[in-house]
């Protein structure tokens, strides 16, 4: 058989290359669509969990209003204990406890974080830097109590040991067991602080708080999945662009080679 008959012409090669490029492009496009579909699903999940988180937080705030109605009158009456104190004396004395009202619930022990608390925190000059009161000057209600498990300063955790749930205690905390060098408060770092604390327990609030933490965990995972999907889609897009450029160069090179081969055959025939 004639060898020339077995050779593909440059036109045939060009068609083969074009078909190969189309097949590759189709495969990449399908993959990108799958990734984008996954990304869209992740975004929807994030949005859904954000709505659930907001709704659960609203439920917690509603419960906070109910608890305020129960505890406001009693707790707010102890605001009168907020008075100026000697910072050096508090820093030198370590954690001091002064029970203002005896509780009737269980006694808090070291490491016990399963409770909520109302509080007033103030500086040596008598200024309140933070509290559960909705207004430090003329309070009319209490904000939702904080959850002890969220992470409190060392002096607080030490100061509540021995308290009974429902009681009210004044706690004096030296700067090194408050915020130390990590945070400027009351005008400087290592500031001693005083707190009036009232620990409480509430089954409904505990349940709502647990549900909120679960939603938060799912939300973090959904954010991570969405971010990973976006990175994958971006990588695929860049890969597709690079591949297309490379295939175009190959096609141009092969076409040039085919043209040269055709000219060579024509010259030989002549």
Foldseek 3Di string as FASTA:
>chain_A
DDPVVVDDFLVVVLVVLVVVLVVVLVVLVVVLVVLVVLLVVLVVVLVVLVVVLVVLVVVLQVVQQVVFVVCVVPVVVCLVVQAADDFVVLQVPAKDKDWPFADDADFDAQPDQQWFKWKWKDANHSDTPDTQFPDSVDGDTGGRTHRSVVDAFQSVSVHRGGGGAQTKMKMKHFQVRHCAQPDQDPNGHRTIMIMIMHIHHDPVSSVSVVVSVVSVVVSVVSVVSSVVSVVVSVVSVVVSVVVSVVSVVVSVVSSVVSVVVVVVVVVVVD
